[in-house]
Amino acid sequence: MQSATLAGAFDDLADSYDHRHHEEIARALIAWVVPGAADAVADVACGAGAVARQLAPNRPETARPILAIDLSPGMVAVGRALATGPGGDAAIDWRVADAVPLPVAAHSLDVVLCASSLHFLGRRALADWRRALRPGCRVGFTLPLATHFRPSERFSRHVADDVPLPHTAQEASEWTATCGFTGVDSRIHVLGTRRVVVTSATSPDGP
């Protein structure tokens, strides 16, 4: 029921959502993690697929489509409509479903990216990402800075209580390490009056 309710909230916002803001967050996340053009990638809780749509034009035709998964049909529909240009929709495997667990085999992904959504998914998402990633591969996500996060009442009730919103980049890195990842690196990204923490890390089973 909670997932359905959250999906409805995002469905209602799909056409008026601040897509430009989230595309900027996605751009910062991609620049921080730097996935390879042919990497097997998941855009987790993708919304309108800002991450997937920015990666799609650089995908070789032989690459596996980017998995873009979200529980909101409305947001996915907007993403499909926006997926134009080189690569476009053909380079993206759109799915309407809960993003945890990911519908992939264990150790089958090279990169997991999650922009603007981890605080709704909860800590269980990181455990699933460890399952899904190949040994030594990368994860990247963003979290709103605690001092700059002002969700509406409709969304605040869905914020996971086991994902502590960081006050600093160091807090984000330390928490990610407690979730079993290595090589963690975080920074604060400024977007006007908003602040997000961008984090990258490595699957712990790598060399």
Protein backbone atom coordinates (compact mmCIF):
# COMPACT_ATOMS: atom_id res chain seq x y z
CA MET A 1 0.00 0.00 0.00
CA GLN A 2 2.80 2.41 0.82
CA SER A 3 4.41 1.88 -2.60
CA ALA A 4 1.07 2.42 -4.33
CA THR A 5 0.49 5.62 -2.38
CA LEU A 6 3.95 6.96 -3.18
CA ALA A 7 3.44 6.02 -6.82
CA GLY A 8 0.23 8.02 -6.84
CA ALA A 9 1.97 11.04 -5.38
CA PHE A 10 4.57 10.97 -8.15
CA ASP A 11 1.93 10.25 -10.81
CA ASP A 12 0.13 13.43 -9.77
CA LEU A 13 3.35 15.43 -10.14
CA ALA A 14 4.63 13.81 -13.34
CA ASP A 15 3.62 16.60 -15.73
CA SER A 16 4.58 19.48 -13.42
CA TYR A 17 7.69 17.94 -11.81
CA ASP A 18 10.89 20.00 -11.72
CA HIS A 19 12.57 17.82 -14.33
CA ARG A 20 15.28 20.39 -15.06
CA HIS A 21 16.44 20.29 -11.43
CA HIS A 22 16.60 16.49 -11.41
CA GLU A 23 18.36 16.37 -14.75
CA GLU A 24 21.07 18.58 -13.23
CA ILE A 25 21.37 16.18 -10.29
CA ALA A 26 21.61 13.27 -12.71
CA ARG A 27 24.32 15.09 -14.66
CA ALA A 28 26.35 15.61 -11.49
CA LEU A 29 25.94 11.96 -10.51
CA ILE A 30 27.06 10.68 -13.91
CA ALA A 31 30.11 12.96 -13.84
CA TRP A 32 31.02 11.68 -10.37
CA VAL A 33 30.73 7.96 -11.21
CA VAL A 34 31.69 8.06 -14.93
CA PRO A 35 30.07 4.83 -16.14
CA GLY A 36 31.50 3.24 -19.27
CA ALA A 37 29.52 3.57 -22.49
CA ALA A 38 28.84 -0.19 -22.69
CA ASP A 39 28.46 -0.88 -18.95
CA ALA A 40 25.39 -2.76 -17.75
CA VAL A 41 23.61 0.06 -15.89
CA ALA A 42 20.49 0.38 -13.74
CA ASP A 43 18.81 3.74 -13.16
CA VAL A 44 17.07 2.91 -9.87
CA ALA A 45 13.80 4.62 -8.90
CA CYS A 46 14.42 6.56 -12.09
CA GLY A 47 11.45 8.92 -12.09
CA ALA A 48 11.41 10.31 -15.63
CA GLY A 49 14.75 8.60 -16.31
CA ALA A 50 17.05 11.61 -16.14
CA VAL A 51 20.09 9.36 -15.65
CA ALA A 52 19.11 6.84 -18.33
CA ARG A 53 18.19 9.50 -20.87
CA GLN A 54 21.54 11.27 -20.47
CA LEU A 55 23.48 8.02 -20.86
CA ALA A 56 21.45 6.68 -23.80
CA PRO A 57 22.95 8.81 -26.64
CA ASN A 58 26.44 7.44 -25.93
CA ARG A 59 25.48 3.76 -25.82
CA PRO A 60 26.85 1.51 -28.58
CA GLU A 61 24.15 -0.47 -30.39
CA THR A 62 25.55 -3.71 -28.99
CA ALA A 63 25.26 -2.58 -25.37
CA ARG A 64 22.59 -3.96 -23.07
CA PRO A 65 19.77 -1.41 -22.67
CA ILE A 66 19.87 0.66 -19.49
CA LEU A 67 17.37 -0.61 -16.93
CA ALA A 68 15.20 2.36 -15.89
CA ILE A 69 12.78 1.28 -13.19
CA ASP A 70 10.24 3.25 -11.16
CA LEU A 71 6.96 2.52 -9.39
CA SER A 72 5.20 5.54 -10.93
CA PRO A 73 3.60 4.85 -14.34
CA GLY A 74 3.14 8.58 -14.84
CA MET A 75 6.82 9.38 -14.36
CA VAL A 76 7.90 6.53 -16.64
CA ALA A 77 5.46 7.76 -19.31
CA VAL A 78 7.02 11.22 -19.15
CA GLY A 79 10.49 9.66 -19.41
CA ARG A 80 9.50 7.70 -22.51
CA ALA A 81 8.13 10.85 -24.11
CA LEU A 82 11.36 12.73 -23.38
CA ALA A 83 13.63 9.93 -24.63
CA THR A 84 14.35 11.33 -28.09
CA GLY A 85 17.45 11.81 -30.19
CA PRO A 86 20.36 9.38 -30.79
CA GLY A 87 19.83 6.12 -28.92
CA GLY A 88 16.61 7.40 -27.43
CA ASP A 89 14.07 4.96 -26.10
CA ALA A 90 15.71 1.95 -27.79
CA ALA A 91 18.70 2.20 -25.45
CA ILE A 92 16.48 2.12 -22.34
CA ASP A 93 14.56 -0.79 -20.82
CA TRP A 94 11.69 1.02 -19.07
CA ARG A 95 9.98 -0.85 -16.22
CA VAL A 96 7.09 0.13 -13.96
CA ALA A 97 7.79 -1.76 -10.74
CA ASP A 98 9.19 -1.50 -7.24
CA ALA A 99 12.93 -0.86 -7.55
CA VAL A 100 13.85 -3.11 -4.61
CA PRO A 101 14.77 -5.78 -5.37
CA LEU A 102 16.01 -5.03 -8.85
CA PRO A 103 14.73 -7.52 -11.47
CA VAL A 104 18.25 -8.64 -12.40
CA ALA A 105 20.43 -11.65 -11.64
CA ALA A 106 23.06 -11.48 -8.92
CA HIS A 107 26.38 -9.94 -10.03
CA SER A 108 24.98 -8.89 -13.41
CA LEU A 109 25.43 -5.08 -13.33
CA ASP A 110 28.48 -2.88 -13.76
CA VAL A 111 26.93 0.32 -12.41
CA VAL A 112 23.93 1.15 -10.23
CA LEU A 113 22.85 4.80 -10.20
CA CYS A 114 20.13 6.30 -8.03
CA ALA A 115 19.42 10.02 -8.27
CA SER A 116 17.11 11.78 -5.80
CA SER A 117 15.42 8.60 -4.56
CA LEU A 118 17.44 6.61 -2.01
CA HIS A 119 15.81 8.39 0.93
CA PHE A 120 12.50 6.84 -0.18
CA LEU A 121 13.91 3.34 -0.83
CA GLY A 122 15.63 2.72 2.49
CA ARG A 123 18.82 0.94 3.45
CA ARG A 124 17.56 -2.33 1.95
CA ALA A 125 18.32 -0.83 -1.46
CA LEU A 126 22.05 -0.80 -0.78
CA ALA A 127 22.01 -4.47 0.21
CA ASP A 128 20.24 -5.25 -3.06
CA TRP A 129 22.76 -3.20 -5.04
CA ARG A 130 25.57 -5.25 -3.51
CA ARG A 131 23.74 -8.36 -4.72
CA ALA A 132 23.21 -7.00 -8.22
CA LEU A 133 26.69 -5.56 -8.85
CA ARG A 134 29.58 -7.53 -10.27
CA PRO A 135 32.65 -7.75 -7.99
CA GLY A 136 34.51 -4.45 -7.88
CA CYS A 137 31.85 -2.49 -9.76
CA ARG A 138 30.39 0.91 -8.91
CA VAL A 139 27.37 2.44 -7.27
CA GLY A 140 26.45 6.11 -7.24
CA PHE A 141 23.60 7.90 -5.53
CA THR A 142 22.51 11.29 -4.27
CA LEU A 143 20.87 12.33 -1.02
CA PRO A 144 19.47 15.73 -0.09
CA LEU A 145 21.54 17.59 2.46
CA ALA A 146 19.70 17.44 5.80
CA THR A 147 19.85 21.20 6.31
CA HIS A 148 18.24 21.87 2.91
CA PHE A 149 15.54 19.17 2.75
CA ARG A 150 11.99 20.48 3.03
CA PRO A 151 9.58 17.84 1.70
CA SER A 152 5.85 18.40 1.64
CA GLU A 153 3.74 16.46 4.13
CA ARG A 154 2.59 14.12 1.36
CA PHE A 155 6.19 13.02 0.68
CA SER A 156 7.71 13.35 4.16
CA ARG A 157 5.66 10.40 5.40
CA HIS A 158 7.47 8.16 2.88
CA VAL A 159 11.03 9.12 3.81
CA ALA A 160 12.86 6.02 5.06
CA ASP A 161 13.86 6.21 8.71
CA ASP A 162 16.93 4.02 8.16
CA VAL A 163 18.62 6.39 5.69
CA PRO A 164 20.10 9.28 7.71
CA LEU A 165 20.17 12.43 5.62
CA PRO A 166 23.76 13.72 5.80
CA HIS A 167 24.82 17.11 7.08
CA THR A 168 28.23 16.77 5.39
CA ALA A 169 29.87 14.76 2.63
CA GLN A 170 31.88 12.89 5.26
CA GLU A 171 28.69 11.73 6.97
CA ALA A 172 27.41 10.35 3.66
CA SER A 173 30.67 8.47 3.06
CA GLU A 174 30.80 7.04 6.58
CA TRP A 175 27.21 5.80 6.37
CA THR A 176 27.81 4.21 2.95
CA ALA A 177 30.83 2.36 4.36
CA THR A 178 28.66 0.95 7.17
CA CYS A 179 26.45 -0.51 4.43
CA GLY A 180 29.40 -2.60 3.24
CA PHE A 181 30.81 -0.57 0.35
CA THR A 182 34.45 0.39 -0.12
CA GLY A 183 36.28 3.22 -1.88
CA VAL A 184 33.55 5.66 -0.87
CA ASP A 185 33.83 9.25 -2.06
CA SER A 186 31.25 12.00 -1.53
CA ARG A 187 30.90 15.69 -2.26
CA ILE A 188 28.26 18.39 -1.89
CA HIS A 189 26.73 19.65 -5.12
CA VAL A 190 25.10 23.10 -5.07
CA LEU A 191 22.05 23.83 -7.23
CA GLY A 192 20.87 27.35 -6.52
CA THR A 193 19.46 27.30 -3.00
CA ARG A 194 19.43 23.49 -2.87
CA ARG A 195 22.22 21.14 -1.78
CA VAL A 196 22.65 17.44 -2.48
CA VAL A 197 25.39 15.00 -1.53
CA VAL A 198 26.74 12.94 -4.42
CA THR A 199 28.35 9.64 -3.44
CA SER A 200 30.22 6.93 -5.33
CA ALA A 201 31.44 3.61 -3.95
CA THR A 202 32.67 0.18 -4.98
CA SER A 203 31.16 -3.27 -4.49
CA PRO A 204 33.03 -4.86 -1.55
CA ASP A 205 33.79 -8.10 -3.39
CA GLY A 206 36.30 -6.48 -5.73
CA PRO A 207 40.09 -6.89 -5.67
